[in-house]
Protein backbone atom coordinates (compact mmCIF):
# COMPACT_ATOMS: atom_id res chain seq x y z
CA MET A 1 112.60 120.36 78.45
CA ASN A 2 114.92 117.81 76.92
CA THR A 3 118.64 118.45 77.15
CA GLY A 4 119.69 114.82 76.82
CA SER A 5 122.68 113.94 74.71
CA GLY A 6 122.78 110.18 75.21
CA PRO A 7 121.05 107.38 73.37
CA PHE A 8 117.85 108.01 75.30
CA GLN A 9 116.20 111.43 75.37
CA LYS A 10 112.97 110.62 77.22
CA ILE A 11 112.61 107.88 79.82
CA LEU A 12 109.22 106.73 81.14
CA ILE A 13 109.05 104.79 84.41
CA TYR A 14 106.14 102.37 84.75
CA VAL A 15 105.12 102.55 88.42
CA ASP A 16 103.00 99.62 89.57
CA GLY A 17 103.30 99.90 93.33
CA SER A 18 105.91 97.18 93.74
CA GLU A 19 109.43 97.10 95.15
CA GLU A 20 110.61 96.25 91.64
CA CYS A 21 109.28 99.53 90.28
CA ILE A 22 111.40 101.40 92.85
CA ALA A 23 114.52 99.68 91.49
CA ALA A 24 113.41 100.72 87.98
CA ALA A 25 112.96 104.29 89.22
CA GLN A 26 116.43 104.29 90.79
CA MET A 27 117.99 103.08 87.53
CA ALA A 28 116.00 105.65 85.53
CA ILE A 29 117.18 108.44 87.84
CA VAL A 30 120.79 107.29 87.37
CA MET A 31 120.39 107.27 83.59
CA ALA A 32 118.62 110.64 83.52
CA ARG A 33 121.29 112.22 85.71
CA GLN A 34 124.12 110.85 83.57
CA THR A 35 122.57 111.66 80.18
CA GLY A 36 120.28 114.62 80.85
CA ALA A 37 117.28 112.67 79.57
CA ALA A 38 113.79 113.89 80.47
CA LEU A 39 112.14 111.64 83.04
CA LYS A 40 108.49 110.85 83.69
CA ALA A 41 106.84 108.40 86.09
CA LEU A 42 103.37 107.00 85.33
CA TYR A 43 101.03 105.16 87.71
CA VAL A 44 97.73 103.76 86.41
CA VAL A 45 94.85 102.78 88.67
CA ASN A 46 93.44 99.59 87.16
CA VAL A 47 89.75 100.49 86.92
CA SER A 48 89.05 97.62 84.51
CA LEU A 49 90.04 95.15 87.24
CA LEU A 50 87.77 96.92 89.71
CA LYS A 51 84.86 96.66 87.26
CA GLU A 52 85.55 92.95 86.71
CA LEU A 53 85.63 92.30 90.46
CA THR A 54 82.32 94.14 90.90
CA ARG A 55 80.75 92.34 87.93
CA ALA A 56 81.89 88.97 89.33
CA LYS A 57 80.32 89.98 92.66
CA ILE A 58 83.65 89.72 94.46
CA PHE A 59 83.19 93.39 95.37
CA VAL A 60 80.00 95.29 95.88
CA GLU A 61 79.99 98.81 94.40
CA ILE A 62 80.94 100.55 97.67
CA GLU A 63 83.89 98.19 98.21
CA SER A 64 85.06 98.89 94.68
CA MET A 65 84.93 102.64 95.30
CA ASP A 66 86.84 102.26 98.59
CA TYR A 67 89.47 100.08 96.93
CA GLU A 68 89.82 102.59 94.08
CA GLN A 69 90.49 105.33 96.64
CA ASP A 70 93.11 103.10 98.29
CA LEU A 71 94.78 102.55 94.92
CA LEU A 72 94.74 106.29 94.20
CA GLN A 73 96.41 106.96 97.55
CA ASP A 74 99.00 104.24 96.88
CA GLY A 75 99.72 105.79 93.49
CA LYS A 76 100.14 109.25 94.99
CA ARG A 77 102.46 107.84 97.66
CA TYR A 78 104.66 105.99 95.14
CA LEU A 79 104.86 108.99 92.81
CA ARG A 80 105.72 111.31 95.71
CA TYR A 81 108.47 108.92 96.80
CA ILE A 82 109.91 108.84 93.27
CA ARG A 83 109.83 112.67 93.12
CA GLU A 84 111.72 112.76 96.43
CA MET A 85 114.29 110.21 95.22
CA ALA A 86 114.86 112.19 92.03
CA ALA A 87 115.11 115.52 93.87
CA ALA A 88 117.69 114.04 96.23
CA LYS A 89 119.89 113.36 93.19
CA ARG A 90 119.09 116.71 91.52
CA VAL A 91 117.03 115.13 88.76
CA SER A 92 113.73 116.52 87.55
CA VAL A 93 110.85 114.09 87.10
CA ASP A 94 107.29 114.67 85.97
CA THR A 95 104.67 112.37 87.45
CA GLU A 96 101.22 111.38 86.31
CA LEU A 97 98.49 109.35 87.99
CA ILE A 98 95.62 108.22 85.78
CA LYS A 99 92.81 105.68 85.74
CA GLY A 100 92.21 103.14 83.00
CA VAL A 101 93.29 99.84 81.51
CA VAL A 102 96.88 99.66 82.67
CA ASN A 103 98.62 98.30 79.58
CA LYS A 104 96.65 100.56 77.26
CA GLU A 105 97.35 103.70 79.30
CA VAL A 106 101.07 102.98 79.66
CA VAL A 107 101.49 102.27 75.94
CA GLU A 108 99.56 105.45 75.07
CA GLY A 109 101.43 107.42 77.73
CA ALA A 110 104.79 106.33 76.30
CA GLY A 111 103.67 107.50 72.87
CA LYS A 112 102.35 110.85 74.09
CA PHE A 113 105.51 111.52 76.08
CA GLY A 114 107.67 110.47 73.14
CA ALA A 115 109.53 107.97 75.32
CA ASP A 116 112.41 106.21 73.69
CA LEU A 117 112.94 104.05 76.77
CA LEU A 118 110.46 102.47 79.18
CA MET A 119 111.89 101.41 82.54
CA MET A 120 110.06 98.74 84.46
CA GLY A 121 110.66 96.35 87.30
CA GLU A 122 111.22 92.65 86.87
CA LEU A 123 108.34 90.72 85.35
CA GLU A 124 106.58 88.12 87.45
CA GLU A 125 107.17 84.51 86.59
CA VAL A 126 104.56 83.34 84.09
CA ARG A 127 102.93 80.14 85.24
CA SER A 128 100.85 79.54 82.14
CA ARG A 129 100.21 80.96 78.70
CA THR A 130 96.86 82.27 79.95
CA ASP A 131 98.60 84.19 82.74
CA SER A 132 100.79 85.96 80.19
CA TYR A 133 97.68 87.27 78.41
CA HIS A 134 96.41 88.86 81.63
CA ASP A 135 99.65 90.14 83.17
CA GLU A 136 99.71 93.92 82.69
CA ALA A 137 103.51 94.22 82.78
CA GLU A 138 103.86 91.45 80.20
CA LEU A 139 101.31 93.15 77.94
CA ILE A 140 103.10 96.50 78.28
CA PHE A 141 106.44 94.86 77.50
CA ARG A 142 105.03 93.36 74.31
CA LYS A 143 102.91 96.31 73.11
CA VAL A 144 104.99 99.44 73.80
CA ASN A 145 106.66 101.00 70.77
CA CYS A 146 109.97 101.95 72.39
CA SER A 147 112.89 100.12 73.91
CA VAL A 148 112.25 98.55 77.31
CA MET A 149 114.71 98.11 80.14
CA VAL A 150 113.63 95.59 82.74
CA VAL A 151 115.57 96.16 85.95
CA LYS A 152 116.27 92.76 87.47
CA ASP A 153 119.11 93.53 89.88
CA SER A 154 117.61 95.80 92.54
CA ASN A 155 120.82 95.77 94.61
CA ARG A 156 122.83 97.11 91.66
CA ALA A 157 120.17 99.73 90.89
CA GLU A 158 120.28 100.93 94.48
CA ALA A 159 124.10 100.96 94.55
CA LEU A 160 124.25 103.02 91.35
CA TYR A 161 121.61 105.38 92.70
CA GLN A 162 123.47 105.80 96.02
CA SER A 163 126.79 106.41 94.22
CA LEU A 164 125.51 109.39 92.20
CA ASP A 165 126.75 111.99 94.71
CA GLN A 166 129.90 110.13 95.65
CA LYS A 167 131.65 110.78 92.35
């Protein structure tokens, strides 16, 4: 599976359903194409948040189930889009959609995949110390046991991605 010869052999993309994660995917596709690294995209449906919202009576059970289905569909849509982007640049990508506690599943997924690089979109601005303890991306960034590349310049990521076939 892995034919990479560069510093990174296996790259995991954390897909959270944001525009920033698309920039991370574009950069990961560029790196995988240039180095031959194996590429995987992971989307986690945050079921712990759904349980908290139901417990706090913000959602009733049926609303929680409907919202979970919406999140599953969003995840499938994002992963399909990333597969299409990778295929357009002749890069193979495995995708996985799972349910769980987001930071825990991404950290475990990186370990199971043997990722030596995690690609993620730009972190949200932390407004308080408490926010940083509850922000999934922040927790992933701090807990994962591999190098992390946070893609902050979406315009550059897109330009690099678009230039792949122009060389």
